[in-house]
Amino acid sequence: MYARRSFKAAAGLALMSALAVAPTGCSSDGGARPATAGGRLDLGTATDSAMAAFRNNDKASKFFDSAYGWAIFPKITKGAAGVGIASGRGQVYEEGKLAGYAKLTSVTLGAQLGGQTFSEIIFFKDRFAFQKFTNGQFVGSASAGAVSGKQGGTNVADYSDGVAMFTSDNNGLIVAADVGGQQFDFTPVK
């Protein structure tokens, strides 16, 4: 009985937290851009490291040469106690050049408990897909398609609706794993 009350209290607290950070779409208020030069430098360093890891994976690396642009989130933190909340900041590239910053948020409901951190990259096949992301018309939603962790994989990743999404944790690259309901706030470089 006590455990049930504790779980309900934790779920209630998680729901209140989720509502406080619920995504509101894209804006140009600077919400995605780190507030300080030091914060931008730290994000840039983390992004460079995550990008190097994605470039070293056979399935993801092919997209860097052909994609119009990409958004990379070096550290997304996901926690759940009945309500799952994920958030992270990243950098957005257009034709290989830094175009702005993005903030990712996600709230999911269901039986879930625990936490994890991972990196994510979203490749945009063309200008249309890129503008859909930067204009707030893109909601990340995908299911696991191909897995290429330490064991490798035989499935070949490709674009779906103009985007290809990859996540990576300490075990290796996972193509489009559990990224449903993600929303993004984009702020251009000023």
N, C-alpha and C. Protein backbone atom coordinates (compact mmCIF):
# COMPACT_ATOMS: atom_id res chain seq x y z
N MET A 1 0.82 -1.19 0.00
CA MET A 1 0.00 0.00 0.00
C MET A 1 0.87 1.25 0.00
N TYR A 2 1.92 1.24 0.84
CA TYR A 2 2.81 2.40 0.91
C TYR A 2 3.52 2.61 -0.43
N ALA A 3 3.95 1.49 -1.06
CA ALA A 3 4.64 1.60 -2.36
C ALA A 3 3.71 2.18 -3.42
N ARG A 4 2.43 1.79 -3.37
CA ARG A 4 1.47 2.31 -4.35
C ARG A 4 1.30 3.82 -4.17
N ARG A 5 1.20 4.28 -2.91
CA ARG A 5 1.07 5.72 -2.66
C ARG A 5 2.33 6.46 -3.10
N SER A 6 3.49 5.89 -2.85
CA SER A 6 4.76 6.53 -3.26
C SER A 6 4.84 6.64 -4.76
N PHE A 7 4.41 5.57 -5.46
CA PHE A 7 4.45 5.61 -6.92
C PHE A 7 3.48 6.67 -7.44
N LYS A 8 2.27 6.73 -6.86
CA LYS A 8 1.30 7.73 -7.29
C LYS A 8 1.82 9.14 -7.02
N ALA A 9 2.47 9.34 -5.88
CA ALA A 9 3.02 10.65 -5.56
C ALA A 9 4.13 11.01 -6.55
N ALA A 10 4.99 10.03 -6.86
CA ALA A 10 6.07 10.28 -7.82
C ALA A 10 5.50 10.56 -9.20
N ALA A 11 4.45 9.81 -9.60
CA ALA A 11 3.84 10.04 -10.90
C ALA A 11 3.19 11.42 -10.95
N GLY A 12 2.55 11.83 -9.86
CA GLY A 12 1.94 13.16 -9.80
C GLY A 12 2.97 14.25 -9.91
N LEU A 13 4.09 14.08 -9.19
CA LEU A 13 5.17 15.06 -9.27
C LEU A 13 5.76 15.10 -10.67
N ALA A 14 5.92 13.95 -11.30
CA ALA A 14 6.45 13.91 -12.67
C ALA A 14 5.49 14.60 -13.63
N LEU A 15 4.18 14.40 -13.44
CA LEU A 15 3.21 15.04 -14.31
C LEU A 15 3.25 16.55 -14.16
N MET A 16 3.36 17.03 -12.92
CA MET A 16 3.46 18.48 -12.71
C MET A 16 4.73 19.03 -13.35
N SER A 17 5.83 18.29 -13.22
CA SER A 17 7.08 18.71 -13.86
C SER A 17 6.95 18.71 -15.37
N ALA A 18 6.27 17.71 -15.90
CA ALA A 18 6.08 17.62 -17.35
C ALA A 18 5.29 18.80 -17.86
N LEU A 19 4.25 19.17 -17.14
CA LEU A 19 3.45 20.31 -17.56
C LEU A 19 4.25 21.60 -17.50
N ALA A 20 5.16 21.69 -16.57
CA ALA A 20 5.98 22.89 -16.44
C ALA A 20 6.97 23.04 -17.59
N VAL A 21 7.43 21.90 -18.13
CA VAL A 21 8.40 21.96 -19.23
C VAL A 21 7.80 21.54 -20.56
N ALA A 22 6.50 21.41 -20.63
CA ALA A 22 5.86 20.95 -21.86
C ALA A 22 6.25 21.83 -23.02
N PRO A 23 6.53 21.22 -24.16
CA PRO A 23 6.95 21.97 -25.32
C PRO A 23 5.86 22.89 -25.85
N THR A 24 6.29 24.03 -26.35
CA THR A 24 5.34 25.00 -26.88
C THR A 24 5.60 25.29 -28.34
N GLY A 25 6.45 24.51 -28.99
CA GLY A 25 6.76 24.76 -30.39
C GLY A 25 7.98 25.65 -30.53
N CYS A 26 8.29 25.99 -31.75
CA CYS A 26 9.46 26.82 -32.02
C CYS A 26 9.17 28.28 -31.72
N SER A 27 10.20 28.94 -31.32
CA SER A 27 10.08 30.37 -31.09
C SER A 27 11.43 31.00 -31.37
N SER A 28 11.45 32.29 -31.44
CA SER A 28 12.72 32.97 -31.68
C SER A 28 13.12 33.77 -30.45
N ASP A 29 12.67 33.33 -29.26
CA ASP A 29 12.97 34.06 -28.04
C ASP A 29 14.32 33.70 -27.44
N GLY A 30 15.08 32.84 -28.09
CA GLY A 30 16.38 32.47 -27.58
C GLY A 30 16.34 31.30 -26.62
N GLY A 31 15.20 30.63 -26.47
CA GLY A 31 15.06 29.53 -25.54
C GLY A 31 15.96 28.35 -25.85
N ALA A 32 16.32 28.16 -27.08
CA ALA A 32 17.16 27.02 -27.45
C ALA A 32 18.65 27.37 -27.38
N ARG A 33 18.95 28.63 -27.43
CA ARG A 33 20.35 29.09 -27.43
C ARG A 33 20.84 29.19 -26.00
N PRO A 34 21.99 28.56 -25.67
CA PRO A 34 22.54 28.73 -24.33
C PRO A 34 22.75 30.21 -24.01
N ALA A 35 22.44 30.60 -22.79
CA ALA A 35 22.42 32.01 -22.40
C ALA A 35 23.80 32.65 -22.34
N THR A 36 24.83 31.86 -22.09
CA THR A 36 26.16 32.44 -21.93
C THR A 36 27.12 31.93 -23.00
N ALA A 37 28.19 32.67 -23.21
CA ALA A 37 29.23 32.24 -24.15
C ALA A 37 29.84 30.93 -23.69
N GLY A 38 30.03 30.77 -22.38
CA GLY A 38 30.56 29.53 -21.83
C GLY A 38 29.64 28.36 -22.10
N GLY A 39 28.33 28.59 -21.97
CA GLY A 39 27.35 27.54 -22.26
C GLY A 39 27.38 27.13 -23.72
N ARG A 40 27.53 28.13 -24.60
CA ARG A 40 27.61 27.83 -26.05
C ARG A 40 28.90 27.07 -26.36
N LEU A 41 29.98 27.44 -25.71
CA LEU A 41 31.25 26.73 -25.91
C LEU A 41 31.14 25.28 -25.43
N ASP A 42 30.54 25.08 -24.25
CA ASP A 42 30.37 23.72 -23.73
C ASP A 42 29.50 22.87 -24.66
N LEU A 43 28.41 23.47 -25.16
CA LEU A 43 27.54 22.76 -26.08
C LEU A 43 28.27 22.43 -27.37
N GLY A 44 29.07 23.38 -27.87
CA GLY A 44 29.84 23.14 -29.09
C GLY A 44 30.83 22.01 -28.93
N THR A 45 31.50 21.96 -27.79
CA THR A 45 32.47 20.89 -27.52
C THR A 45 31.77 19.54 -27.44
N ALA A 46 30.65 19.48 -26.73
CA ALA A 46 29.90 18.23 -26.61
C ALA A 46 29.34 17.80 -27.97
N THR A 47 28.90 18.77 -28.77
CA THR A 47 28.36 18.47 -30.10
C THR A 47 29.46 17.90 -30.99
N ASP A 48 30.64 18.50 -30.96
CA ASP A 48 31.76 18.01 -31.77
C ASP A 48 32.08 16.55 -31.42
N SER A 49 32.06 16.24 -30.13
CA SER A 49 32.36 14.87 -29.69
C SER A 49 31.28 13.90 -30.17
N ALA A 50 30.01 14.28 -30.03
CA ALA A 50 28.91 13.41 -30.48
C ALA A 50 28.95 13.24 -32.00
N MET A 51 29.26 14.34 -32.71
CA MET A 51 29.32 14.27 -34.17
C MET A 51 30.43 13.32 -34.61
N ALA A 52 31.56 13.35 -33.93
CA ALA A 52 32.65 12.44 -34.27
C ALA A 52 32.22 10.98 -34.08
N ALA A 53 31.46 10.72 -33.03
CA ALA A 53 30.98 9.36 -32.79
C ALA A 53 30.02 8.92 -33.89
N PHE A 54 29.11 9.81 -34.31
CA PHE A 54 28.18 9.46 -35.38
C PHE A 54 28.92 9.30 -36.72
N ARG A 55 29.94 10.12 -36.96
CA ARG A 55 30.72 10.00 -38.20
C ARG A 55 31.49 8.69 -38.26
N ASN A 56 31.81 8.12 -37.10
CA ASN A 56 32.56 6.87 -37.05
C ASN A 56 31.68 5.64 -37.17
N ASN A 57 30.37 5.82 -37.32
CA ASN A 57 29.48 4.69 -37.49
C ASN A 57 29.10 4.57 -38.97
N ASP A 58 29.24 3.38 -39.52
CA ASP A 58 28.98 3.16 -40.95
C ASP A 58 27.57 3.57 -41.36
N LYS A 59 26.57 3.31 -40.55
CA LYS A 59 25.18 3.59 -40.93
C LYS A 59 24.87 5.08 -40.91
N ALA A 60 25.41 5.82 -39.96
CA ALA A 60 25.12 7.26 -39.86
C ALA A 60 26.05 8.10 -40.72
N SER A 61 27.29 7.67 -40.88
CA SER A 61 28.29 8.51 -41.55
C SER A 61 27.93 8.85 -42.99
N LYS A 62 27.23 7.96 -43.68
CA LYS A 62 26.89 8.22 -45.08
C LYS A 62 25.97 9.43 -45.25
N PHE A 63 25.24 9.78 -44.21
CA PHE A 63 24.29 10.89 -44.31
C PHE A 63 24.96 12.26 -44.26
N PHE A 64 26.14 12.35 -43.66
CA PHE A 64 26.82 13.64 -43.57
C PHE A 64 27.14 14.22 -44.95
N ASP A 65 27.45 13.36 -45.91
CA ASP A 65 27.80 13.82 -47.24
C ASP A 65 26.58 14.18 -48.10
N SER A 66 25.45 13.55 -47.83
CA SER A 66 24.29 13.76 -48.70
C SER A 66 23.19 14.63 -48.10
N ALA A 67 23.17 14.81 -46.80
CA ALA A 67 22.09 15.56 -46.15
C ALA A 67 22.22 17.06 -46.39
N TYR A 68 21.09 17.73 -46.50
CA TYR A 68 21.07 19.18 -46.62
C TYR A 68 21.48 19.81 -45.29
N GLY A 69 21.11 19.18 -44.21
CA GLY A 69 21.45 19.69 -42.88
C GLY A 69 21.17 18.64 -41.82
N TRP A 70 21.47 18.98 -40.58
CA TRP A 70 21.21 18.07 -39.48
C TRP A 70 21.11 18.84 -38.17
N ALA A 71 20.46 18.22 -37.21
CA ALA A 71 20.39 18.72 -35.83
C ALA A 71 20.99 17.64 -34.96
N ILE A 72 21.92 18.02 -34.09
CA ILE A 72 22.58 17.04 -33.24
C ILE A 72 22.45 17.45 -31.78
N PHE A 73 22.03 16.50 -30.98
CA PHE A 73 21.83 16.70 -29.55
C PHE A 73 22.81 15.78 -28.82
N PRO A 74 23.89 16.34 -28.26
CA PRO A 74 24.92 15.49 -27.67
C PRO A 74 24.49 14.78 -26.39
N LYS A 75 23.54 15.34 -25.65
CA LYS A 75 23.10 14.68 -24.41
C LYS A 75 21.62 14.98 -24.18
N ILE A 76 20.82 13.94 -24.33
CA ILE A 76 19.40 14.01 -24.01
C ILE A 76 19.21 13.18 -22.75
N THR A 77 18.56 13.77 -21.78
CA THR A 77 18.30 13.08 -20.53
C THR A 77 16.83 12.72 -20.49
N LYS A 78 16.56 11.45 -20.21
CA LYS A 78 15.19 10.97 -20.15
C LYS A 78 14.97 10.32 -18.81
N GLY A 79 13.91 10.72 -18.12
CA GLY A 79 13.54 10.14 -16.84
C GLY A 79 12.06 9.83 -16.83
N ALA A 80 11.69 8.82 -16.06
CA ALA A 80 10.28 8.44 -16.04
C ALA A 80 9.89 7.87 -14.69
N ALA A 81 8.72 8.27 -14.23
CA ALA A 81 8.05 7.69 -13.07
C ALA A 81 6.56 7.76 -13.40
N GLY A 82 6.12 6.92 -14.33
CA GLY A 82 4.75 6.98 -14.83
C GLY A 82 4.61 7.94 -15.99
N VAL A 83 5.25 9.09 -15.89
CA VAL A 83 5.31 10.08 -16.95
C VAL A 83 6.76 10.20 -17.36
N GLY A 84 7.04 10.07 -18.64
CA GLY A 84 8.42 10.19 -19.11
C GLY A 84 8.69 11.59 -19.62
N ILE A 85 9.81 12.14 -19.21
CA ILE A 85 10.21 13.48 -19.63
C ILE A 85 11.63 13.39 -20.19
N ALA A 86 11.82 13.95 -21.37
CA ALA A 86 13.15 13.99 -21.98
C ALA A 86 13.44 15.42 -22.41
N SER A 87 14.70 15.82 -22.28
CA SER A 87 15.09 17.14 -22.75
C SER A 87 16.57 17.16 -23.08
N GLY A 88 16.93 18.10 -23.94
CA GLY A 88 18.32 18.28 -24.31
C GLY A 88 18.46 19.47 -25.25
N ARG A 89 19.68 19.96 -25.36
CA ARG A 89 19.98 21.07 -26.28
C ARG A 89 20.95 20.57 -27.33
N GLY A 90 20.88 21.21 -28.50
CA GLY A 90 21.77 20.80 -29.56
C GLY A 90 22.05 21.93 -30.53
N GLN A 91 22.81 21.59 -31.55
CA GLN A 91 23.16 22.54 -32.59
C GLN A 91 22.58 22.07 -33.91
N VAL A 92 22.21 23.03 -34.75
CA VAL A 92 21.59 22.74 -36.04
C VAL A 92 22.50 23.24 -37.15
N TYR A 93 22.73 22.39 -38.14
CA TYR A 93 23.63 22.72 -39.24
C TYR A 93 22.87 22.73 -40.56
N GLU A 94 23.15 23.74 -41.38
CA GLU A 94 22.58 23.85 -42.72
C GLU A 94 23.75 23.88 -43.70
N GLU A 95 23.76 22.93 -44.62
CA GLU A 95 24.84 22.80 -45.60
C GLU A 95 26.21 22.82 -44.91
N GLY A 96 26.32 22.12 -43.80
CA GLY A 96 27.58 21.96 -43.09
C GLY A 96 27.99 23.11 -42.18
N LYS A 97 27.19 24.16 -42.10
CA LYS A 97 27.53 25.33 -41.28
C LYS A 97 26.51 25.49 -40.16
N LEU A 98 26.99 25.95 -39.00
CA LEU A 98 26.12 26.17 -37.85
C LEU A 98 25.04 27.19 -38.21
N ALA A 99 23.78 26.78 -38.10
CA ALA A 99 22.65 27.65 -38.44
C ALA A 99 21.90 28.11 -37.20
N GLY A 100 22.03 27.37 -36.10
CA GLY A 100 21.32 27.75 -34.89
C GLY A 100 21.38 26.68 -33.83
N TYR A 101 20.50 26.87 -32.86
CA TYR A 101 20.44 25.98 -31.69
C TYR A 101 19.04 25.40 -31.58
N ALA A 102 18.93 24.23 -31.00
CA ALA A 102 17.64 23.59 -30.83
C ALA A 102 17.52 23.04 -29.41
N LYS A 103 16.31 23.09 -28.92
CA LYS A 103 15.99 22.48 -27.63
C LYS A 103 14.96 21.40 -27.89
N LEU A 104 15.19 20.22 -27.38
CA LEU A 104 14.30 19.07 -27.55
C LEU A 104 13.57 18.84 -26.24
N THR A 105 12.27 18.61 -26.32
CA THR A 105 11.49 18.21 -25.16
C THR A 105 10.52 17.13 -25.58
N SER A 106 10.21 16.26 -24.65
CA SER A 106 9.28 15.18 -24.92
C SER A 106 8.62 14.78 -23.62
N VAL A 107 7.32 14.54 -23.68
CA VAL A 107 6.57 14.05 -22.54
C VAL A 107 5.77 12.84 -23.02
N THR A 108 5.93 11.72 -22.32
CA THR A 108 5.19 10.51 -22.67
C THR A 108 4.49 9.97 -21.43
N LEU A 109 3.36 9.35 -21.65
CA LEU A 109 2.59 8.74 -20.57
C LEU A 109 2.59 7.24 -20.74
N GLY A 110 2.49 6.52 -19.62
CA GLY A 110 2.43 5.07 -19.70
C GLY A 110 3.24 4.45 -18.58
N ALA A 111 3.25 3.13 -18.55
CA ALA A 111 3.99 2.41 -17.53
C ALA A 111 5.47 2.49 -17.83
N GLN A 112 6.17 3.32 -17.09
CA GLN A 112 7.61 3.50 -17.30
C GLN A 112 8.26 3.97 -16.01
N LEU A 113 9.47 3.56 -15.79
CA LEU A 113 10.21 3.94 -14.60
C LEU A 113 11.69 3.84 -14.93
N GLY A 114 12.46 4.83 -14.58
CA GLY A 114 13.90 4.79 -14.80
C GLY A 114 14.41 6.02 -15.51
N GLY A 115 15.65 5.94 -15.96
CA GLY A 115 16.25 7.07 -16.64
C GLY A 115 17.39 6.63 -17.53
N GLN A 116 17.74 7.48 -18.47
CA GLN A 116 18.86 7.20 -19.37
C GLN A 116 19.31 8.50 -20.02
N THR A 117 20.51 8.48 -20.55
CA THR A 117 21.00 9.58 -21.37
C THR A 117 21.47 9.00 -22.70
N PHE A 118 21.32 9.80 -23.74
CA PHE A 118 21.74 9.35 -25.06
C PHE A 118 21.97 10.57 -25.94
N SER A 119 22.60 10.35 -27.07
CA SER A 119 22.81 11.38 -28.09
C SER A 119 21.84 11.10 -29.24
N GLU A 120 21.51 12.16 -29.99
CA GLU A 120 20.60 11.98 -31.12
C GLU A 120 21.02 12.90 -32.25
N ILE A 121 20.86 12.41 -33.48
CA ILE A 121 21.09 13.24 -34.65
C ILE A 121 19.93 13.03 -35.62
N ILE A 122 19.49 14.13 -36.19
CA ILE A 122 18.41 14.10 -37.18
C ILE A 122 18.96 14.69 -38.46
N PHE A 123 18.98 13.90 -39.53
CA PHE A 123 19.44 14.38 -40.83
C PHE A 123 18.24 14.82 -41.65
N PHE A 124 18.39 15.94 -42.35
CA PHE A 124 17.35 16.47 -43.23
C PHE A 124 17.79 16.28 -44.67
N LYS A 125 17.01 15.55 -45.44
CA LYS A 125 17.38 15.19 -46.80
C LYS A 125 17.49 16.40 -47.72
N ASP A 126 16.60 17.39 -47.52
CA ASP A 126 16.56 18.53 -48.42
C ASP A 126 16.15 19.79 -47.66
N ARG A 127 16.12 20.89 -48.38
CA ARG A 127 15.79 22.19 -47.77
C ARG A 127 14.37 22.18 -47.19
N PHE A 128 13.44 21.51 -47.87
CA PHE A 128 12.06 21.44 -47.39
C PHE A 128 11.99 20.80 -46.00
N ALA A 129 12.65 19.67 -45.80
CA ALA A 129 12.65 18.98 -44.50
C ALA A 129 13.34 19.85 -43.44
N PHE A 130 14.43 20.52 -43.83
CA PHE A 130 15.14 21.39 -42.90
C PHE A 130 14.25 22.55 -42.45
N GLN A 131 13.56 23.18 -43.40
CA GLN A 131 12.69 24.31 -43.06
C GLN A 131 11.49 23.86 -42.23
N LYS A 132 11.03 22.67 -42.46
CA LYS A 132 9.94 22.14 -41.65
C LYS A 132 10.39 22.05 -40.18
N PHE A 133 11.62 21.65 -39.96
CA PHE A 133 12.18 21.58 -38.60
C PHE A 133 12.35 22.98 -38.01
N THR A 134 12.98 23.88 -38.75
CA THR A 134 13.29 25.21 -38.20
C THR A 134 12.05 26.08 -38.06
N ASN A 135 10.97 25.75 -38.76
CA ASN A 135 9.72 26.51 -38.65
C ASN A 135 8.74 25.92 -37.64
N GLY A 136 9.17 24.88 -36.91
CA GLY A 136 8.32 24.31 -35.87
C GLY A 136 7.24 23.37 -36.37
N GLN A 137 7.37 22.85 -37.57
CA GLN A 137 6.36 21.97 -38.14
C GLN A 137 6.77 20.50 -38.07
N PHE A 138 7.85 20.22 -37.38
CA PHE A 138 8.38 18.86 -37.30
C PHE A 138 8.22 18.35 -35.88
N VAL A 139 7.65 17.15 -35.74
CA VAL A 139 7.58 16.47 -34.45
C VAL A 139 8.27 15.14 -34.64
N GLY A 140 9.31 14.89 -33.86
CA GLY A 140 10.05 13.65 -33.97
C GLY A 140 9.20 12.46 -33.58
N SER A 141 9.10 11.52 -34.47
CA SER A 141 8.33 10.32 -34.20
C SER A 141 8.88 9.20 -35.05
N ALA A 142 9.39 8.20 -34.39
CA ALA A 142 9.95 7.07 -35.13
C ALA A 142 9.95 5.86 -34.23
N SER A 143 10.11 4.73 -34.82
CA SER A 143 10.22 3.51 -34.06
C SER A 143 11.52 2.83 -34.47
N ALA A 144 11.97 1.93 -33.64
CA ALA A 144 13.24 1.27 -33.92
C ALA A 144 13.16 0.55 -35.26
N GLY A 145 14.06 0.87 -36.15
CA GLY A 145 14.06 0.25 -37.46
C GLY A 145 15.25 -0.66 -37.62
N ALA A 146 16.41 -0.13 -37.43
CA ALA A 146 17.62 -0.93 -37.57
C ALA A 146 18.51 -0.62 -36.38
N VAL A 147 19.14 -1.61 -35.85
CA VAL A 147 20.02 -1.42 -34.71
C VAL A 147 21.43 -1.78 -35.11
N SER A 148 22.34 -0.90 -34.80
CA SER A 148 23.74 -1.14 -35.12
C SER A 148 24.58 -0.82 -33.91
N GLY A 149 24.50 -1.66 -32.91
CA GLY A 149 25.28 -1.47 -31.70
C GLY A 149 26.59 -2.21 -31.83
N LYS A 150 27.10 -2.68 -30.72
CA LYS A 150 28.36 -3.41 -30.73
C LYS A 150 28.27 -4.69 -31.55
N GLN A 151 27.05 -5.22 -31.68
CA GLN A 151 26.87 -6.47 -32.43
C GLN A 151 26.72 -6.24 -33.93
N GLY A 152 26.58 -4.99 -34.35
CA GLY A 152 26.39 -4.72 -35.77
C GLY A 152 24.93 -4.88 -36.16
N GLY A 153 24.65 -4.89 -37.43
CA GLY A 153 23.27 -5.02 -37.88
C GLY A 153 23.23 -5.17 -39.39
N THR A 154 22.14 -5.71 -39.89
CA THR A 154 22.05 -5.92 -41.33
C THR A 154 21.08 -4.96 -41.99
N ASN A 155 20.24 -4.28 -41.22
CA ASN A 155 19.29 -3.35 -41.82
C ASN A 155 20.00 -2.09 -42.27
N VAL A 156 19.54 -1.51 -43.34
CA VAL A 156 20.13 -0.28 -43.87
C VAL A 156 19.20 0.88 -43.56
N ALA A 157 19.73 1.89 -42.90
CA ALA A 157 18.94 3.06 -42.56
C ALA A 157 18.78 3.94 -43.80
N ASP A 158 17.63 4.60 -43.90
CA ASP A 158 17.38 5.51 -45.00
C ASP A 158 16.42 6.60 -44.53
N TYR A 159 16.19 7.58 -45.38
CA TYR A 159 15.27 8.67 -45.06
C TYR A 159 13.83 8.17 -45.02
N SER A 160 13.05 8.77 -44.14
CA SER A 160 11.62 8.55 -44.08
C SER A 160 10.98 9.92 -43.94
N ASP A 161 10.16 10.30 -44.88
CA ASP A 161 9.54 11.64 -44.90
C ASP A 161 10.59 12.75 -44.85
N GLY A 162 11.72 12.53 -45.48
CA GLY A 162 12.76 13.55 -45.58
C GLY A 162 13.71 13.63 -44.42
N VAL A 163 13.58 12.75 -43.43
CA VAL A 163 14.49 12.76 -42.29
C VAL A 163 14.99 11.36 -41.98
N ALA A 164 16.17 11.30 -41.39
CA ALA A 164 16.72 10.06 -40.85
C ALA A 164 17.18 10.38 -39.44
N MET A 165 16.75 9.58 -38.48
CA MET A 165 17.06 9.84 -37.07
C MET A 165 17.87 8.69 -36.50
N PHE A 166 18.88 9.05 -35.71
CA PHE A 166 19.71 8.06 -35.05
C PHE A 166 19.90 8.47 -33.60
N THR A 167 19.93 7.50 -32.71
CA THR A 167 20.31 7.76 -31.33
C THR A 167 21.47 6.86 -30.99
N SER A 168 22.22 7.26 -30.00
CA SER A 168 23.38 6.48 -29.58
C SER A 168 23.52 6.56 -28.07
N ASP A 169 23.74 5.41 -27.46
CA ASP A 169 24.07 5.38 -26.05
C ASP A 169 25.42 4.70 -25.91
N ASN A 170 25.76 4.28 -24.72
CA ASN A 170 27.08 3.66 -24.51
C ASN A 170 27.23 2.33 -25.21
N ASN A 171 26.13 1.74 -25.67
CA ASN A 171 26.20 0.43 -26.31
C ASN A 171 26.33 0.51 -27.83
N GLY A 172 26.26 1.69 -28.40
CA GLY A 172 26.38 1.81 -29.84
C GLY A 172 25.20 2.52 -30.45
N LEU A 173 25.14 2.53 -31.75
CA LEU A 173 24.14 3.28 -32.49
C LEU A 173 22.83 2.52 -32.58
N ILE A 174 21.75 3.24 -32.35
CA ILE A 174 20.42 2.68 -32.49
C ILE A 174 19.68 3.58 -33.45
N VAL A 175 19.12 3.05 -34.50
CA VAL A 175 18.40 3.85 -35.48
C VAL A 175 16.99 4.10 -34.96
N ALA A 176 16.64 5.38 -34.82
CA ALA A 176 15.27 5.80 -34.51
C ALA A 176 14.65 5.02 -33.37
N ALA A 177 15.30 4.96 -32.23
CA ALA A 177 14.77 4.20 -31.11
C ALA A 177 14.03 5.10 -30.13
N ASP A 178 12.75 4.85 -29.94
CA ASP A 178 11.94 5.50 -28.91
C ASP A 178 12.07 7.01 -28.92
N VAL A 179 11.75 7.64 -30.03
CA VAL A 179 11.83 9.10 -30.11
C VAL A 179 10.46 9.71 -30.41
N GLY A 180 9.40 8.99 -30.10
CA GLY A 180 8.07 9.50 -30.37
C GLY A 180 7.74 10.75 -29.56
N GLY A 181 7.04 11.66 -30.18
CA GLY A 181 6.53 12.83 -29.49
C GLY A 181 7.53 13.92 -29.18
N GLN A 182 8.70 13.86 -29.75
CA GLN A 182 9.67 14.91 -29.50
C GLN A 182 9.25 16.20 -30.20
N GLN A 183 9.42 17.32 -29.50
CA GLN A 183 9.16 18.61 -30.10
C GLN A 183 10.41 19.46 -29.94
N PHE A 184 10.56 20.44 -30.83
CA PHE A 184 11.80 21.19 -30.91
C PHE A 184 11.55 22.69 -30.92
N ASP A 185 12.45 23.40 -30.29
CA ASP A 185 12.46 24.86 -30.28
C ASP A 185 13.76 25.28 -30.97
N PHE A 186 13.67 25.98 -32.06
CA PHE A 186 14.84 26.39 -32.84
C PHE A 186 15.09 27.88 -32.69
N THR A 187 16.35 28.24 -32.49
CA THR A 187 16.79 29.64 -32.43
C THR A 187 17.95 29.79 -33.39
N PRO A 188 17.85 30.67 -34.39
CA PRO A 188 18.96 30.86 -35.33
C PRO A 188 20.16 31.51 -34.65
N VAL A 189 21.33 31.30 -35.24
CA VAL A 189 22.55 31.95 -34.77
C VAL A 189 22.38 33.45 -34.99
N LYS A 190 22.79 34.22 -34.03
CA LYS A 190 22.64 35.70 -34.16
C LYS A 190 23.98 36.34 -34.36
